[in-house]
Amino acid sequence: MEELKRFQASEEAKGKAKQLRLFALISFLLAMAGEVFAILKLIHDDTLVWLIVVIVVILALALLGSYLWKKSNRLDPASEADKTRFFIQNQLGAILSVLAFLPLVIFIFSNKEINSKTKGIAGGIVAVALLVAGIYGVDFNPPSIEKYSKEINAQTDSLKTINNGTDYVYWTKEGNKYHIYKDCYHIKNREVINDGTVKKAWEAKGISELCLTCKSRVMKENNIIDVIKDNIESSAKSINKNN
């Protein structure tokens, strides 16, 4: 029985994930800095417009942070075996997004120096921003080493089924799919084309799938080969019968 493959992020993927996480944290820190500035300087009736502008900027920074954090997790996922780390690593974007808005929400609604109109407009906008950032930050289908390992084995078996038992593919740094053919028009003009097993492609890219063009081509070619084999076998049987 063939040994099951277990996903392990490459050093290159881990390095890129680390870089993305750093940028994500910087984005969240800037969002929180904007929040502090808004609390200290902008919760007033005469600065409502600027408060709204800053809320929008905070939202953009929070969404960017969540996007980068999710992308980093797909390059270097956590293991489901450690439940606490798995939860924190995958949902940290949502947690930090909420923290970028919740204190501001509290300060706006508890401030007695602004009128009800300002409180209603600013409070409504920041509450919606909190909701949007929080929901976007949640990873509803978090990646994990176990999920990737299962998918790698399933895709390896599927590839071997349509590719005469061969587990060998090509991929590029920019693409998000692996290919059976090096001359596939999606990648043939690229300067650098990497090659290896499905497992190696996943570990290098974080997540990937088979190119549909290559899949269609290999199935068509294999079908033609099968037809030729059937014709040869039929011809041989006919000759033997006549003899």
C-alpha atoms as a PDB file:
ATOM      1  CA  MET A   1       0.000   0.000   0.000  1.00  0.00           C
ATOM      2  CA  GLU A   2       1.356   3.401  -0.989  1.00  0.00           C
ATOM      3  CA  GLU A   3       2.326   5.633   1.924  1.00  0.00           C
ATOM      4  CA  LEU A   4       0.056   8.642   2.368  1.00  0.00           C
ATOM      5  CA  LYS A   5       1.668  12.023   1.731  1.00  0.00           C
ATOM      6  CA  ARG A   6       1.605  14.679   4.477  1.00  0.00           C
ATOM      7  CA  PHE A   7       1.730  18.351   3.559  1.00  0.00           C
ATOM      8  CA  GLN A   8       4.693  20.358   4.780  1.00  0.00           C
ATOM      9  CA  ALA A   9       5.131  23.965   3.654  1.00  0.00           C
ATOM     10  CA  SER A  10       8.411  24.667   1.880  1.00  0.00           C
ATOM     11  CA  GLU A  11      10.900  27.099   3.357  1.00  0.00           C
ATOM     12  CA  GLU A  12      10.084  29.515   0.539  1.00  0.00           C
ATOM     13  CA  ALA A  13       6.359  29.309   1.313  1.00  0.00           C
ATOM     14  CA  LYS A  14       7.026  29.785   5.036  1.00  0.00           C
ATOM     15  CA  GLY A  15       9.193  32.828   4.306  1.00  0.00           C
ATOM     16  CA  LYS A  16       6.505  34.385   2.125  1.00  0.00           C
ATOM     17  CA  ALA A  17       3.834  33.618   4.734  1.00  0.00           C
ATOM     18  CA  LYS A  18       5.948  35.278   7.412  1.00  0.00           C
ATOM     19  CA  GLN A  19       6.301  38.371   5.239  1.00  0.00           C
ATOM     20  CA  LEU A  20       2.550  38.516   4.579  1.00  0.00           C
ATOM     21  CA  ARG A  21       1.810  38.190   8.295  1.00  0.00           C
ATOM     22  CA  LEU A  22       4.167  41.052   9.051  1.00  0.00           C
ATOM     23  CA  PHE A  23       2.405  43.284   6.511  1.00  0.00           C
ATOM     24  CA  ALA A  24      -0.969  42.187   7.892  1.00  0.00           C
ATOM     25  CA  LEU A  25       0.013  43.100  11.451  1.00  0.00           C
ATOM     26  CA  ILE A  26       1.329  46.470  10.291  1.00  0.00           C
ATOM     27  CA  SER A  27      -1.994  47.085   8.563  1.00  0.00           C
ATOM     28  CA  PHE A  28      -3.919  46.200  11.745  1.00  0.00           C
ATOM     29  CA  LEU A  29      -1.629  48.401  13.864  1.00  0.00           C
ATOM     30  CA  LEU A  30      -2.241  51.336  11.531  1.00  0.00           C
ATOM     31  CA  ALA A  31      -5.972  50.688  11.770  1.00  0.00           C
ATOM     32  CA  MET A  32      -5.778  50.744  15.574  1.00  0.00           C
ATOM     33  CA  ALA A  33      -3.655  53.900  15.477  1.00  0.00           C
ATOM     34  CA  GLY A  34      -6.386  55.490  13.376  1.00  0.00           C
ATOM     35  CA  GLU A  35      -8.924  54.341  15.932  1.00  0.00           C
ATOM     36  CA  VAL A  36      -6.993  55.972  18.790  1.00  0.00           C
ATOM     37  CA  PHE A  37      -6.686  59.189  16.775  1.00  0.00           C
ATOM     38  CA  ALA A  38     -10.435  59.183  16.090  1.00  0.00           C
ATOM     39  CA  ILE A  39     -11.239  58.628  19.781  1.00  0.00           C
ATOM     40  CA  LEU A  40      -8.941  61.410  20.963  1.00  0.00           C
ATOM     41  CA  LYS A  41      -9.512  64.013  18.248  1.00  0.00           C
ATOM     42  CA  LEU A  42     -12.599  63.387  16.132  1.00  0.00           C
ATOM     43  CA  ILE A  43     -15.578  62.514  18.327  1.00  0.00           C
ATOM     44  CA  HIS A  44     -17.127  65.976  18.087  1.00  0.00           C
ATOM     45  CA  ASP A  45     -20.081  67.474  16.266  1.00  0.00           C
ATOM     46  CA  ASP A  46     -17.929  69.707  14.101  1.00  0.00           C
ATOM     47  CA  THR A  47     -15.542  66.917  13.006  1.00  0.00           C
ATOM     48  CA  LEU A  48     -18.167  64.389  11.888  1.00  0.00           C
ATOM     49  CA  VAL A  49     -17.001  64.365   8.254  1.00  0.00           C
ATOM     50  CA  TRP A  50     -13.397  63.694   9.227  1.00  0.00           C
ATOM     51  CA  LEU A  51     -14.534  61.000  11.658  1.00  0.00           C
ATOM     52  CA  ILE A  52     -16.362  59.238   8.832  1.00  0.00           C
ATOM     53  CA  VAL A  53     -13.302  59.521   6.588  1.00  0.00           C
ATOM     54  CA  VAL A  54     -11.084  57.974   9.269  1.00  0.00           C
ATOM     55  CA  ILE A  55     -13.608  55.152   9.848  1.00  0.00           C
ATOM     56  CA  VAL A  56     -13.467  54.327   6.136  1.00  0.00           C
ATOM     57  CA  VAL A  57      -9.653  54.326   6.223  1.00  0.00           C
ATOM     58  CA  ILE A  58      -9.668  52.064   9.296  1.00  0.00           C
ATOM     59  CA  LEU A  59     -12.044  49.693   7.502  1.00  0.00           C
ATOM     60  CA  ALA A  60      -9.796  49.548   4.435  1.00  0.00           C
ATOM     61  CA  LEU A  61      -6.756  48.782   6.592  1.00  0.00           C
ATOM     62  CA  ALA A  62      -8.637  46.087   8.526  1.00  0.00           C
ATOM     63  CA  LEU A  63      -9.848  44.413   5.325  1.00  0.00           C
ATOM     64  CA  LEU A  64      -6.333  44.510   3.875  1.00  0.00           C
ATOM     65  CA  GLY A  65      -4.912  43.002   7.067  1.00  0.00           C
ATOM     66  CA  SER A  66      -7.471  40.189   7.012  1.00  0.00           C
ATOM     67  CA  TYR A  67      -6.796  39.473   3.335  1.00  0.00           C
ATOM     68  CA  LEU A  68      -3.041  39.230   3.870  1.00  0.00           C
ATOM     69  CA  TRP A  69      -3.479  37.110   7.003  1.00  0.00           C
ATOM     70  CA  LYS A  70      -5.731  34.609   5.234  1.00  0.00           C
ATOM     71  CA  LYS A  71      -3.323  34.432   2.300  1.00  0.00           C
ATOM     72  CA  SER A  72      -0.416  33.698   4.637  1.00  0.00           C
ATOM     73  CA  ASN A  73      -2.345  30.852   6.272  1.00  0.00           C
ATOM     74  CA  ARG A  74      -2.874  29.214   2.899  1.00  0.00           C
ATOM     75  CA  LEU A  75       0.858  29.185   2.349  1.00  0.00           C
ATOM     76  CA  ASP A  76       1.717  27.927   5.832  1.00  0.00           C
ATOM     77  CA  PRO A  77      -1.370  26.429   7.524  1.00  0.00           C
ATOM     78  CA  ALA A  78      -1.693  25.318  11.140  1.00  0.00           C
ATOM     79  CA  SER A  79      -2.416  21.778  12.299  1.00  0.00           C
ATOM     80  CA  GLU A  80      -5.848  20.834  13.605  1.00  0.00           C
ATOM     81  CA  ALA A  81      -4.131  18.818  16.321  1.00  0.00           C
ATOM     82  CA  ASP A  82      -3.434  21.989  18.320  1.00  0.00           C
ATOM     83  CA  LYS A  83      -6.968  23.374  18.647  1.00  0.00           C
ATOM     84  CA  THR A  84      -6.007  26.636  20.352  1.00  0.00           C
ATOM     85  CA  ARG A  85      -3.288  27.592  17.892  1.00  0.00           C
ATOM     86  CA  PHE A  86      -5.441  26.466  14.975  1.00  0.00           C
ATOM     87  CA  PHE A  87      -8.294  28.754  16.064  1.00  0.00           C
ATOM     88  CA  ILE A  88      -6.116  31.774  16.853  1.00  0.00           C
ATOM     89  CA  GLN A  89      -4.030  31.518  13.696  1.00  0.00           C
ATOM     90  CA  ASN A  90      -7.047  31.246  11.411  1.00  0.00           C
ATOM     91  CA  GLN A  91      -9.356  33.740  13.159  1.00  0.00           C
ATOM     92  CA  LEU A  92      -6.841  36.370  14.248  1.00  0.00           C
ATOM     93  CA  GLY A  93      -7.919  38.600  11.373  1.00  0.00           C
ATOM     94  CA  ALA A  94     -11.468  38.731  12.705  1.00  0.00           C
ATOM     95  CA  ILE A  95     -10.272  39.315  16.274  1.00  0.00           C
ATOM     96  CA  LEU A  96      -8.000  42.225  15.323  1.00  0.00           C
ATOM     97  CA  SER A  97     -10.651  43.687  13.022  1.00  0.00           C
ATOM     98  CA  VAL A  98     -13.138  43.806  15.886  1.00  0.00           C
ATOM     99  CA  LEU A  99     -10.530  45.405  18.141  1.00  0.00           C
ATOM    100  CA  ALA A 100      -9.953  48.063  15.484  1.00  0.00           C
ATOM    101  CA  PHE A 101     -13.568  49.220  15.860  1.00  0.00           C
ATOM    102  CA  LEU A 102     -15.131  48.085  19.140  1.00  0.00           C
ATOM    103  CA  PRO A 103     -13.526  50.732  21.423  1.00  0.00           C
ATOM    104  CA  LEU A 104     -14.518  53.417  18.918  1.00  0.00           C
ATOM    105  CA  VAL A 105     -18.120  52.189  18.939  1.00  0.00           C
ATOM    106  CA  ILE A 106     -18.176  52.315  22.746  1.00  0.00           C
ATOM    107  CA  PHE A 107     -16.666  55.816  22.902  1.00  0.00           C
ATOM    108  CA  ILE A 108     -19.073  57.221  20.303  1.00  0.00           C
ATOM    109  CA  PHE A 109     -22.222  55.909  21.974  1.00  0.00           C
ATOM    110  CA  SER A 110     -21.039  56.765  25.493  1.00  0.00           C
ATOM    111  CA  ASN A 111     -19.869  60.299  24.653  1.00  0.00           C
ATOM    112  CA  LYS A 112     -22.148  62.902  26.210  1.00  0.00           C
ATOM    113  CA  GLU A 113     -20.595  65.883  24.452  1.00  0.00           C
ATOM    114  CA  ILE A 114     -21.984  65.096  20.966  1.00  0.00           C
ATOM    115  CA  ASN A 115     -25.610  65.477  19.921  1.00  0.00           C
ATOM    116  CA  SER A 116     -27.920  62.600  19.040  1.00  0.00           C
ATOM    117  CA  LYS A 117     -27.636  63.251  15.279  1.00  0.00           C
ATOM    118  CA  THR A 118     -23.844  62.992  15.296  1.00  0.00           C
ATOM    119  CA  LYS A 119     -24.030  59.971  17.566  1.00  0.00           C
ATOM    120  CA  GLY A 120     -26.581  58.286  15.302  1.00  0.00           C
ATOM    121  CA  ILE A 121     -24.678  58.907  12.048  1.00  0.00           C
ATOM    122  CA  ALA A 122     -21.179  58.145  13.351  1.00  0.00           C
ATOM    123  CA  GLY A 123     -22.362  55.271  15.525  1.00  0.00           C
ATOM    124  CA  GLY A 124     -24.302  53.675  12.691  1.00  0.00           C
ATOM    125  CA  ILE A 125     -21.404  53.922  10.253  1.00  0.00           C
ATOM    126  CA  VAL A 126     -18.824  52.545  12.677  1.00  0.00           C
ATOM    127  CA  ALA A 127     -21.170  49.721  13.717  1.00  0.00           C
ATOM    128  CA  VAL A 128     -21.609  48.690  10.074  1.00  0.00           C
ATOM    129  CA  ALA A 129     -17.841  48.947   9.543  1.00  0.00           C
ATOM    130  CA  LEU A 130     -17.245  46.712  12.564  1.00  0.00           C
ATOM    131  CA  LEU A 131     -19.714  44.161  11.207  1.00  0.00           C
ATOM    132  CA  VAL A 132     -18.182  44.168   7.720  1.00  0.00           C
ATOM    133  CA  ALA A 133     -14.600  43.922   8.981  1.00  0.00           C
ATOM    134  CA  GLY A 134     -15.463  41.236  11.521  1.00  0.00           C
ATOM    135  CA  ILE A 135     -17.329  39.011   9.070  1.00  0.00           C
ATOM    136  CA  TYR A 136     -14.675  39.434   6.372  1.00  0.00           C
ATOM    137  CA  GLY A 137     -11.960  38.594   8.884  1.00  0.00           C
ATOM    138  CA  VAL A 138     -13.554  35.253   9.789  1.00  0.00           C
ATOM    139  CA  ASP A 139     -12.153  32.289   7.857  1.00  0.00           C
ATOM    140  CA  PHE A 140     -15.196  30.055   7.393  1.00  0.00           C
ATOM    141  CA  ASN A 141     -13.144  27.353   5.688  1.00  0.00           C
ATOM    142  CA  PRO A 142      -9.739  27.549   7.376  1.00  0.00           C
ATOM    143  CA  PRO A 143      -6.831  25.660   5.822  1.00  0.00           C
ATOM    144  CA  SER A 144      -4.947  23.050   7.795  1.00  0.00           C
ATOM    145  CA  ILE A 145      -2.100  20.615   7.339  1.00  0.00           C
ATOM    146  CA  GLU A 146      -4.604  17.760   7.585  1.00  0.00           C
ATOM    147  CA  LYS A 147      -6.921  19.209   4.917  1.00  0.00           C
ATOM    148  CA  TYR A 148      -4.033  19.860   2.565  1.00  0.00           C
ATOM    149  CA  SER A 149      -2.640  16.356   3.119  1.00  0.00           C
ATOM    150  CA  LYS A 150      -6.027  14.817   2.325  1.00  0.00           C
ATOM    151  CA  GLU A 151      -6.401  16.945  -0.799  1.00  0.00           C
ATOM    152  CA  ILE A 152      -2.837  16.178  -1.958  1.00  0.00           C
ATOM    153  CA  ASN A 153      -3.448  12.438  -1.730  1.00  0.00           C
ATOM    154  CA  ALA A 154      -6.814  12.730  -3.483  1.00  0.00           C
ATOM    155  CA  GLN A 155      -5.355  14.840  -6.292  1.00  0.00           C
ATOM    156  CA  THR A 156      -2.329  12.559  -6.637  1.00  0.00           C
ATOM    157  CA  ASP A 157      -4.601   9.540  -7.066  1.00  0.00           C
ATOM    158  CA  SER A 158      -6.769  11.444  -9.546  1.00  0.00           C
ATOM    159  CA  LEU A 159      -3.720  12.571 -11.545  1.00  0.00           C
ATOM    160  CA  LYS A 160      -2.312   9.050 -11.716  1.00  0.00           C
ATOM    161  CA  THR A 161      -5.670   7.742 -12.918  1.00  0.00           C
ATOM    162  CA  ILE A 162      -5.743  10.017 -15.960  1.00  0.00           C
ATOM    163  CA  ASN A 163      -1.971  10.237 -16.518  1.00  0.00           C
ATOM    164  CA  ASN A 164      -0.960   6.578 -16.812  1.00  0.00           C
ATOM    165  CA  GLY A 165       0.078   6.309 -13.161  1.00  0.00           C
ATOM    166  CA  THR A 166       2.505   9.253 -13.356  1.00  0.00           C
ATOM    167  CA  ASP A 167       2.726  11.799 -10.537  1.00  0.00           C
ATOM    168  CA  TYR A 168       4.712  14.557 -12.220  1.00  0.00           C
ATOM    169  CA  VAL A 169       3.550  18.105 -12.888  1.00  0.00           C
ATOM    170  CA  TYR A 170       4.738  21.613 -13.786  1.00  0.00           C
ATOM    171  CA  TRP A 171       3.915  24.985 -12.257  1.00  0.00           C
ATOM    172  CA  THR A 172       5.067  28.594 -12.197  1.00  0.00           C
ATOM    173  CA  LYS A 173       5.657  31.066  -9.410  1.00  0.00           C
ATOM    174  CA  GLU A 174       2.842  33.328 -10.562  1.00  0.00           C
ATOM    175  CA  GLY A 175       0.196  30.685 -11.324  1.00  0.00           C
ATOM    176  CA  ASN A 176      -2.211  28.922  -8.994  1.00  0.00           C
ATOM    177  CA  LYS A 177      -2.525  25.659 -10.960  1.00  0.00           C
ATOM    178  CA  TYR A 178      -0.179  22.824 -11.836  1.00  0.00           C
ATOM    179  CA  HIS A 179       0.108  21.350 -15.324  1.00  0.00           C
ATOM    180  CA  ILE A 180       0.695  17.935 -16.849  1.00  0.00           C
ATOM    181  CA  TYR A 181       2.335  19.378 -19.959  1.00  0.00           C
ATOM    182  CA  LYS A 182       5.321  21.714 -19.936  1.00  0.00           C
ATOM    183  CA  ASP A 183       4.204  23.058 -23.318  1.00  0.00           C
ATOM    184  CA  CYS A 184       0.704  23.939 -22.052  1.00  0.00           C
ATOM    185  CA  TYR A 185      -0.028  27.368 -23.537  1.00  0.00           C
ATOM    186  CA  HIS A 186      -0.725  28.785 -20.070  1.00  0.00           C
ATOM    187  CA  ILE A 187       2.923  28.358 -19.025  1.00  0.00           C
ATOM    188  CA  LYS A 188       5.096  27.538 -22.057  1.00  0.00           C
ATOM    189  CA  ASN A 189       6.408  31.092 -22.471  1.00  0.00           C
ATOM    190  CA  ARG A 190       7.332  31.571 -18.818  1.00  0.00           C
ATOM    191  CA  GLU A 191      11.026  32.014 -18.036  1.00  0.00           C
ATOM    192  CA  VAL A 192      10.952  29.688 -15.009  1.00  0.00           C
ATOM    193  CA  ILE A 193       8.856  26.519 -14.935  1.00  0.00           C
ATOM    194  CA  ASN A 194       9.104  24.360 -11.828  1.00  0.00           C
ATOM    195  CA  ASP A 195       8.469  20.633 -11.839  1.00  0.00           C
ATOM    196  CA  GLY A 196       7.888  17.792  -9.403  1.00  0.00           C
ATOM    197  CA  THR A 197       5.103  15.855  -7.704  1.00  0.00           C
ATOM    198  CA  VAL A 198       1.647  17.152  -6.815  1.00  0.00           C
ATOM    199  CA  LYS A 199       2.805  17.251  -3.193  1.00  0.00           C
ATOM    200  CA  LYS A 200       5.799  19.409  -4.084  1.00  0.00           C
ATOM    201  CA  ALA A 201       3.571  21.794  -6.071  1.00  0.00           C
ATOM    202  CA  TRP A 202       1.247  22.207  -3.083  1.00  0.00           C
ATOM    203  CA  GLU A 203       4.115  22.764  -0.669  1.00  0.00           C
ATOM    204  CA  ALA A 204       5.653  25.380  -2.949  1.00  0.00           C
ATOM    205  CA  LYS A 205       2.406  27.216  -3.748  1.00  0.00           C
ATOM    206  CA  GLY A 206       0.338  26.680  -0.600  1.00  0.00           C
ATOM    207  CA  ILE A 207      -2.708  25.577  -2.572  1.00  0.00           C
ATOM    208  CA  SER A 208      -3.253  24.583  -6.193  1.00  0.00           C
ATOM    209  CA  GLU A 209      -5.276  22.496  -8.615  1.00  0.00           C
ATOM    210  CA  LEU A 210      -4.866  20.781 -11.955  1.00  0.00           C
ATOM    211  CA  CYS A 211      -5.062  22.922 -15.099  1.00  0.00           C
ATOM    212  CA  LEU A 212      -8.323  22.087 -16.892  1.00  0.00           C
ATOM    213  CA  THR A 213      -6.648  22.486 -20.288  1.00  0.00           C
ATOM    214  CA  CYS A 214      -4.048  19.850 -19.397  1.00  0.00           C
ATOM    215  CA  LYS A 215      -6.717  17.584 -17.920  1.00  0.00           C
ATOM    216  CA  SER A 216      -8.807  17.755 -21.086  1.00  0.00           C
ATOM    217  CA  ARG A 217      -5.737  17.139 -23.266  1.00  0.00           C
ATOM    218  CA  VAL A 218      -4.443  14.113 -21.364  1.00  0.00           C
ATOM    219  CA  MET A 219      -7.876  12.494 -21.240  1.00  0.00           C
ATOM    220  CA  LYS A 220      -8.293  13.033 -24.976  1.00  0.00           C
ATOM    221  CA  GLU A 221      -4.838  11.598 -25.748  1.00  0.00           C
ATOM    222  CA  ASN A 222      -5.374   8.590 -23.503  1.00  0.00           C
ATOM    223  CA  ASN A 223      -8.731   7.967 -25.098  1.00  0.00           C
ATOM    224  CA  ILE A 224      -7.098   7.994 -28.552  1.00  0.00           C
ATOM    225  CA  ILE A 225      -4.466   5.526 -27.320  1.00  0.00           C
ATOM    226  CA  ASP A 226      -7.203   3.253 -25.976  1.00  0.00           C
ATOM    227  CA  VAL A 227      -9.021   3.382 -29.319  1.00  0.00           C
ATOM    228  CA  ILE A 228      -5.796   2.441 -31.158  1.00  0.00           C
ATOM    229  CA  LYS A 229      -5.200  -0.437 -28.733  1.00  0.00           C
ATOM    230  CA  ASP A 230      -8.751  -1.673 -29.234  1.00  0.00           C
ATOM    231  CA  ASN A 231      -8.348  -1.524 -33.025  1.00  0.00           C
ATOM    232  CA  ILE A 232      -5.072  -3.448 -32.869  1.00  0.00           C
ATOM    233  CA  GLU A 233      -6.604  -6.079 -30.591  1.00  0.00           C
ATOM    234  CA  SER A 234      -9.646  -6.377 -32.862  1.00  0.00           C
ATOM    235  CA  SER A 235      -7.422  -6.736 -35.934  1.00  0.00           C
ATOM    236  CA  ALA A 236      -5.316  -9.391 -34.222  1.00  0.00           C
ATOM    237  CA  LYS A 237      -8.383 -11.368 -33.233  1.00  0.00           C
ATOM    238  CA  SER A 238      -9.717 -11.144 -36.801  1.00  0.00           C
ATOM    239  CA  ILE A 239      -6.428 -12.408 -38.266  1.00  0.00           C
ATOM    240  CA  ASN A 240      -6.261 -15.306 -35.812  1.00  0.00           C
ATOM    241  CA  LYS A 241      -9.849 -16.200 -36.572  1.00  0.00           C
ATOM    242  CA  ASN A 242      -9.219 -16.261 -40.332  1.00  0.00           C
ATOM    243  CA  ASN A 243      -6.131 -18.405 -39.835  1.00  0.00           C
END
